[in-house]
Amino acid sequence: VDAIGPHGFTFPNGDEGALADTLAATLADPDTARARLAGKDAHLAAFTARAVATRYIGVFEELLARR
C-alpha cells in the first residue's frame, strides 16, 4: 500500500465484489480516477529498487556507525 499511496485504488485480496465495486466507481467517475494519478511518478520514484536499496544501505550504515 505504501507504493500506491494516494494514487491507486485498493480492495481486499480475493474479494471479487470489492474489485467489481472499485472498477464500477472508477468507470463511473473517470475524472476523479485521473486526478488520483497526479503526482504518481514522483511518488513512485521513492519505491524503485535503487531507491529502496539506498534506504536499506543507509540504515545498515547507521547501525554499523553505532557499534
PDB file of N, CA and C in Angstrom:
ATOM      1  N   VAL A   1       0.831  -1.195   0.000  1.00  0.00           N
ATOM      2  CA  VAL A   1       0.000   0.000   0.000  1.00  0.00           C
ATOM      3  C   VAL A   1       0.872   1.254   0.000  1.00  0.00           C
ATOM      4  N   ASP A   2       2.075   1.171   0.629  1.00  0.00           N
ATOM      5  CA  ASP A   2       2.938   2.347   0.646  1.00  0.00           C
ATOM      6  C   ASP A   2       3.246   2.831  -0.761  1.00  0.00           C
ATOM      7  N   ALA A   3       3.560   1.905  -1.644  1.00  0.00           N
ATOM      8  CA  ALA A   3       3.912   2.302  -3.014  1.00  0.00           C
ATOM      9  C   ALA A   3       2.715   2.907  -3.737  1.00  0.00           C
ATOM     10  N   ILE A   4       1.538   2.468  -3.416  1.00  0.00           N
ATOM     11  CA  ILE A   4       0.340   3.017  -4.064  1.00  0.00           C
ATOM     12  C   ILE A   4       0.076   4.428  -3.568  1.00  0.00           C
ATOM     13  N   GLY A   5       0.217   4.623  -2.264  1.00  0.00           N
ATOM     14  CA  GLY A   5      -0.053   5.925  -1.676  1.00  0.00           C
ATOM     15  C   GLY A   5      -1.450   6.398  -2.022  1.00  0.00           C
ATOM     16  N   PRO A   6      -1.604   7.675  -2.300  1.00  0.00           N
ATOM     17  CA  PRO A   6      -2.931   8.197  -2.602  1.00  0.00           C
ATOM     18  C   PRO A   6      -3.302   8.076  -4.082  1.00  0.00           C
ATOM     19  N   HIS A   7      -2.495   7.329  -4.846  1.00  0.00           N
ATOM     20  CA  HIS A   7      -2.666   7.320  -6.299  1.00  0.00           C
ATOM     21  C   HIS A   7      -3.375   6.095  -6.851  1.00  0.00           C
ATOM     22  N   GLY A   8      -3.705   5.148  -6.034  1.00  0.00           N
ATOM     23  CA  GLY A   8      -4.326   3.942  -6.553  1.00  0.00           C
ATOM     24  C   GLY A   8      -5.590   3.587  -5.800  1.00  0.00           C
ATOM     25  N   PHE A   9      -6.145   2.503  -6.191  1.00  0.00           N
ATOM     26  CA  PHE A   9      -7.358   2.001  -5.560  1.00  0.00           C
ATOM     27  C   PHE A   9      -7.038   0.625  -4.995  1.00  0.00           C
ATOM     28  N   THR A  10      -7.488   0.348  -3.807  1.00  0.00           N
ATOM     29  CA  THR A  10      -7.241  -0.955  -3.203  1.00  0.00           C
ATOM     30  C   THR A  10      -8.574  -1.623  -2.865  1.00  0.00           C
ATOM     31  N   PHE A  11      -8.479  -2.917  -2.705  1.00  0.00           N
ATOM     32  CA  PHE A  11      -9.621  -3.719  -2.301  1.00  0.00           C
ATOM     33  C   PHE A  11      -9.046  -4.995  -1.685  1.00  0.00           C
ATOM     34  N   PRO A  12      -9.787  -5.672  -0.845  1.00  0.00           N
ATOM     35  CA  PRO A  12      -9.267  -6.881  -0.202  1.00  0.00           C
ATOM     36  C   PRO A  12      -8.917  -7.959  -1.230  1.00  0.00           C
ATOM     37  N   ASN A  13      -7.781  -8.583  -1.020  1.00  0.00           N
ATOM     38  CA  ASN A  13      -7.317  -9.658  -1.893  1.00  0.00           C
ATOM     39  C   ASN A  13      -8.365 -10.772  -1.974  1.00  0.00           C
ATOM     40  N   GLY A  14      -8.706 -11.136  -3.176  1.00  0.00           N
ATOM     41  CA  GLY A  14      -9.661 -12.224  -3.386  1.00  0.00           C
ATOM     42  C   GLY A  14     -11.125 -11.814  -3.291  1.00  0.00           C
ATOM     43  N   ASP A  15     -11.398 -10.559  -3.057  1.00  0.00           N
ATOM     44  CA  ASP A  15     -12.777 -10.088  -2.912  1.00  0.00           C
ATOM     45  C   ASP A  15     -13.272  -9.558  -4.255  1.00  0.00           C
ATOM     46  N   GLU A  16     -13.879 -10.458  -5.033  1.00  0.00           N
ATOM     47  CA  GLU A  16     -14.328 -10.086  -6.373  1.00  0.00           C
ATOM     48  C   GLU A  16     -15.377  -8.985  -6.345  1.00  0.00           C
ATOM     49  N   GLY A  17     -16.226  -8.996  -5.336  1.00  0.00           N
ATOM     50  CA  GLY A  17     -17.258  -7.972  -5.225  1.00  0.00           C
ATOM     51  C   GLY A  17     -16.649  -6.590  -5.012  1.00  0.00           C
ATOM     52  N   ALA A  18     -15.630  -6.526  -4.157  1.00  0.00           N
ATOM     53  CA  ALA A  18     -14.952  -5.250  -3.906  1.00  0.00           C
ATOM     54  C   ALA A  18     -14.216  -4.784  -5.158  1.00  0.00           C
ATOM     55  N   LEU A  19     -13.614  -5.717  -5.892  1.00  0.00           N
ATOM     56  CA  LEU A  19     -12.961  -5.373  -7.161  1.00  0.00           C
ATOM     57  C   LEU A  19     -13.987  -4.807  -8.138  1.00  0.00           C
ATOM     58  N   ALA A  20     -15.121  -5.482  -8.258  1.00  0.00           N
ATOM     59  CA  ALA A  20     -16.170  -5.008  -9.173  1.00  0.00           C
ATOM     60  C   ALA A  20     -16.657  -3.623  -8.762  1.00  0.00           C
ATOM     61  N   ASP A  21     -16.842  -3.397  -7.463  1.00  0.00           N
ATOM     62  CA  ASP A  21     -17.288  -2.083  -6.983  1.00  0.00           C
ATOM     63  C   ASP A  21     -16.249  -1.007  -7.302  1.00  0.00           C
ATOM     64  N   THR A  22     -14.968  -1.344  -7.111  1.00  0.00           N
ATOM     65  CA  THR A  22     -13.885  -0.391  -7.386  1.00  0.00           C
ATOM     66  C   THR A  22     -13.843  -0.043  -8.868  1.00  0.00           C
ATOM     67  N   LEU A  23     -13.954  -1.054  -9.702  1.00  0.00           N
ATOM     68  CA  LEU A  23     -13.956  -0.814 -11.147  1.00  0.00           C
ATOM     69  C   LEU A  23     -15.174   0.008 -11.571  1.00  0.00           C
ATOM     70  N   ALA A  24     -16.330  -0.307 -11.026  1.00  0.00           N
ATOM     71  CA  ALA A  24     -17.549   0.426 -11.371  1.00  0.00           C
ATOM     72  C   ALA A  24     -17.424   1.891 -10.960  1.00  0.00           C
ATOM     73  N   ALA A  25     -16.904   2.142  -9.765  1.00  0.00           N
ATOM     74  CA  ALA A  25     -16.739   3.519  -9.298  1.00  0.00           C
ATOM     75  C   ALA A  25     -15.740   4.272 -10.168  1.00  0.00           C
ATOM     76  N   THR A  26     -14.680   3.595 -10.569  1.00  0.00           N
ATOM     77  CA  THR A  26     -13.664   4.224 -11.423  1.00  0.00           C
ATOM     78  C   THR A  26     -14.239   4.567 -12.791  1.00  0.00           C
ATOM     79  N   LEU A  27     -14.968   3.641 -13.367  1.00  0.00           N
ATOM     80  CA  LEU A  27     -15.565   3.878 -14.681  1.00  0.00           C
ATOM     81  C   LEU A  27     -16.669   4.926 -14.632  1.00  0.00           C
ATOM     82  N   ALA A  28     -17.358   5.017 -13.500  1.00  0.00           N
ATOM     83  CA  ALA A  28     -18.438   5.990 -13.367  1.00  0.00           C
ATOM     84  C   ALA A  28     -17.902   7.418 -13.205  1.00  0.00           C
ATOM     85  N   ASP A  29     -16.675   7.538 -12.709  1.00  0.00           N
ATOM     86  CA  ASP A  29     -16.109   8.866 -12.454  1.00  0.00           C
ATOM     87  C   ASP A  29     -14.645   8.907 -12.898  1.00  0.00           C
ATOM     88  N   PRO A  30     -14.401   8.847 -14.216  1.00  0.00           N
ATOM     89  CA  PRO A  30     -13.023   8.794 -14.699  1.00  0.00           C
ATOM     90  C   PRO A  30     -12.205  10.046 -14.384  1.00  0.00           C
ATOM     91  N   ASP A  31     -12.854  11.188 -14.217  1.00  0.00           N
ATOM     92  CA  ASP A  31     -12.109  12.408 -13.882  1.00  0.00           C
ATOM     93  C   ASP A  31     -11.457  12.284 -12.498  1.00  0.00           C
ATOM     94  N   THR A  32     -12.176  11.725 -11.552  1.00  0.00           N
ATOM     95  CA  THR A  32     -11.606  11.512 -10.218  1.00  0.00           C
ATOM     96  C   THR A  32     -10.481  10.495 -10.292  1.00  0.00           C
ATOM     97  N   ALA A  33     -10.666   9.448 -11.074  1.00  0.00           N
ATOM     98  CA  ALA A  33      -9.615   8.439 -11.238  1.00  0.00           C
ATOM     99  C   ALA A  33      -8.364   9.076 -11.838  1.00  0.00           C
ATOM    100  N   ARG A  34      -8.525   9.915 -12.847  1.00  0.00           N
ATOM    101  CA  ARG A  34      -7.378  10.604 -13.461  1.00  0.00           C
ATOM    102  C   ARG A  34      -6.705  11.534 -12.463  1.00  0.00           C
ATOM    103  N   ALA A  35      -7.493  12.234 -11.664  1.00  0.00           N
ATOM    104  CA  ALA A  35      -6.942  13.169 -10.682  1.00  0.00           C
ATOM    105  C   ALA A  35      -6.074  12.442  -9.654  1.00  0.00           C
ATOM    106  N   ARG A  36      -6.445  11.213  -9.319  1.00  0.00           N
ATOM    107  CA  ARG A  36      -5.645  10.442  -8.357  1.00  0.00           C
ATOM    108  C   ARG A  36      -4.266  10.118  -8.903  1.00  0.00           C
ATOM    109  N   LEU A  37      -4.125  10.135 -10.206  1.00  0.00           N
ATOM    110  CA  LEU A  37      -2.832   9.827 -10.820  1.00  0.00           C
ATOM    111  C   LEU A  37      -1.865  11.006 -10.791  1.00  0.00           C
ATOM    112  N   ALA A  38      -2.363  12.204 -10.522  1.00  0.00           N
ATOM    113  CA  ALA A  38      -1.492  13.380 -10.487  1.00  0.00           C
ATOM    114  C   ALA A  38      -0.405  13.178  -9.441  1.00  0.00           C
ATOM    115  N   GLY A  39       0.834  13.341  -9.847  1.00  0.00           N
ATOM    116  CA  GLY A  39       1.966  13.206  -8.939  1.00  0.00           C
ATOM    117  C   GLY A  39       2.455  11.790  -8.731  1.00  0.00           C
ATOM    118  N   LYS A  40       1.889  10.849  -9.458  1.00  0.00           N
ATOM    119  CA  LYS A  40       2.255   9.438  -9.245  1.00  0.00           C
ATOM    120  C   LYS A  40       3.714   9.153  -9.548  1.00  0.00           C
ATOM    121  N   ASP A  41       4.257   9.776 -10.581  1.00  0.00           N
ATOM    122  CA  ASP A  41       5.646   9.493 -10.950  1.00  0.00           C
ATOM    123  C   ASP A  41       6.614   9.887  -9.842  1.00  0.00           C
ATOM    124  N   ALA A  42       6.417  11.056  -9.265  1.00  0.00           N
ATOM    125  CA  ALA A  42       7.280  11.497  -8.167  1.00  0.00           C
ATOM    126  C   ALA A  42       7.120  10.582  -6.959  1.00  0.00           C
ATOM    127  N   HIS A  43       5.888  10.204  -6.667  1.00  0.00           N
ATOM    128  CA  HIS A  43       5.638   9.312  -5.530  1.00  0.00           C
ATOM    129  C   HIS A  43       6.292   7.949  -5.753  1.00  0.00           C
ATOM    130  N   LEU A  44       6.083   7.369  -6.923  1.00  0.00           N
ATOM    131  CA  LEU A  44       6.609   6.029  -7.195  1.00  0.00           C
ATOM    132  C   LEU A  44       8.128   6.003  -7.302  1.00  0.00           C
ATOM    133  N   ALA A  45       8.751   7.136  -7.596  1.00  0.00           N
ATOM    134  CA  ALA A  45      10.213   7.188  -7.679  1.00  0.00           C
ATOM    135  C   ALA A  45      10.860   6.762  -6.367  1.00  0.00           C
ATOM    136  N   ALA A  46      10.179   6.970  -5.267  1.00  0.00           N
ATOM    137  CA  ALA A  46      10.714   6.575  -3.959  1.00  0.00           C
ATOM    138  C   ALA A  46      10.668   5.064  -3.750  1.00  0.00           C
ATOM    139  N   PHE A  47      10.031   4.340  -4.650  1.00  0.00           N
ATOM    140  CA  PHE A  47       9.855   2.900  -4.471  1.00  0.00           C
ATOM    141  C   PHE A  47      10.527   2.073  -5.559  1.00  0.00           C
ATOM    142  N   THR A  48      11.440   2.683  -6.312  1.00  0.00           N
ATOM    143  CA  THR A  48      12.209   1.893  -7.274  1.00  0.00           C
ATOM    144  C   THR A  48      13.166   0.998  -6.495  1.00  0.00           C
ATOM    145  N   ALA A  49      13.666  -0.030  -7.135  1.00  0.00           N
ATOM    146  CA  ALA A  49      14.613  -0.935  -6.474  1.00  0.00           C
ATOM    147  C   ALA A  49      15.826  -0.164  -5.966  1.00  0.00           C
ATOM    148  N   ARG A  50      16.324   0.748  -6.765  1.00  0.00           N
ATOM    149  CA  ARG A  50      17.504   1.534  -6.362  1.00  0.00           C
ATOM    150  C   ARG A  50      17.200   2.399  -5.137  1.00  0.00           C
ATOM    151  N   ALA A  51      16.056   3.060  -5.134  1.00  0.00           N
ATOM    152  CA  ALA A  51      15.709   3.933  -4.008  1.00  0.00           C
ATOM    153  C   ALA A  51      15.539   3.139  -2.719  1.00  0.00           C
ATOM    154  N   VAL A  52      14.877   1.999  -2.812  1.00  0.00           N
ATOM    155  CA  VAL A  52      14.681   1.157  -1.627  1.00  0.00           C
ATOM    156  C   VAL A  52      16.022   0.619  -1.139  1.00  0.00           C
ATOM    157  N   ALA A  53      16.845   0.139  -2.057  1.00  0.00           N
ATOM    158  CA  ALA A  53      18.163  -0.386  -1.672  1.00  0.00           C
ATOM    159  C   ALA A  53      19.011   0.701  -1.029  1.00  0.00           C
ATOM    160  N   THR A  54      18.948   1.907  -1.556  1.00  0.00           N
ATOM    161  CA  THR A  54      19.710   3.019  -0.984  1.00  0.00           C
ATOM    162  C   THR A  54      19.268   3.294   0.449  1.00  0.00           C
ATOM    163  N   ARG A  55      17.972   3.242   0.700  1.00  0.00           N
ATOM    164  CA  ARG A  55      17.486   3.453   2.072  1.00  0.00           C
ATOM    165  C   ARG A  55      17.955   2.334   2.993  1.00  0.00           C
ATOM    166  N   TYR A  56      17.926   1.093   2.517  1.00  0.00           N
ATOM    167  CA  TYR A  56      18.416  -0.025   3.333  1.00  0.00           C
ATOM    168  C   TYR A  56      19.899   0.157   3.658  1.00  0.00           C
ATOM    169  N   ILE A  57      20.679   0.534   2.671  1.00  0.00           N
ATOM    170  CA  ILE A  57      22.115   0.748   2.897  1.00  0.00           C
ATOM    171  C   ILE A  57      22.311   1.840   3.946  1.00  0.00           C
ATOM    172  N   GLY A  58      21.539   2.894   3.876  1.00  0.00           N
ATOM    173  CA  GLY A  58      21.625   3.959   4.869  1.00  0.00           C
ATOM    174  C   GLY A  58      21.334   3.460   6.275  1.00  0.00           C
ATOM    175  N   VAL A  59      20.337   2.618   6.402  1.00  0.00           N
ATOM    176  CA  VAL A  59      20.006   2.039   7.722  1.00  0.00           C
ATOM    177  C   VAL A  59      21.164   1.186   8.214  1.00  0.00           C
ATOM    178  N   PHE A  60      21.704   0.344   7.343  1.00  0.00           N
ATOM    179  CA  PHE A  60      22.825  -0.515   7.733  1.00  0.00           C
ATOM    180  C   PHE A  60      24.026   0.315   8.150  1.00  0.00           C
ATOM    181  N   GLU A  61      24.316   1.358   7.386  1.00  0.00           N
ATOM    182  CA  GLU A  61      25.462   2.217   7.713  1.00  0.00           C
ATOM    183  C   GLU A  61      25.258   2.914   9.063  1.00  0.00           C
ATOM    184  N   GLU A  62      24.044   3.343   9.314  1.00  0.00           N
ATOM    185  CA  GLU A  62      23.745   3.985  10.597  1.00  0.00           C
ATOM    186  C   GLU A  62      23.915   2.997  11.749  1.00  0.00           C
ATOM    187  N   LEU A  63      23.440   1.783  11.566  1.00  0.00           N
ATOM    188  CA  LEU A  63      23.578   0.769  12.619  1.00  0.00           C
ATOM    189  C   LEU A  63      25.050   0.405  12.849  1.00  0.00           C
ATOM    190  N   LEU A  64      25.804   0.297  11.787  1.00  0.00           N
ATOM    191  CA  LEU A  64      27.222  -0.017  11.927  1.00  0.00           C
ATOM    192  C   LEU A  64      27.992   1.125  12.593  1.00  0.00           C
ATOM    193  N   ALA A  65      27.597   2.356  12.322  1.00  0.00           N
ATOM    194  CA  ALA A  65      28.257   3.513  12.936  1.00  0.00           C
ATOM    195  C   ALA A  65      28.026   3.562  14.440  1.00  0.00           C
ATOM    196  N   ARG A  66      26.947   2.982  14.915  1.00  0.00           N
ATOM    197  CA  ARG A  66      26.636   2.961  16.351  1.00  0.00           C
ATOM    198  C   ARG A  66      27.489   1.955  17.124  1.00  0.00           C
ATOM    199  N   ARG A  67      28.114   1.033  16.407  1.00  0.00           N
ATOM    200  CA  ARG A  67      28.873  -0.036  17.066  1.00  0.00           C
ATOM    201  C   ARG A  67      30.183   0.435  17.581  1.00  0.00           C
TER     202      ARG A  67
END
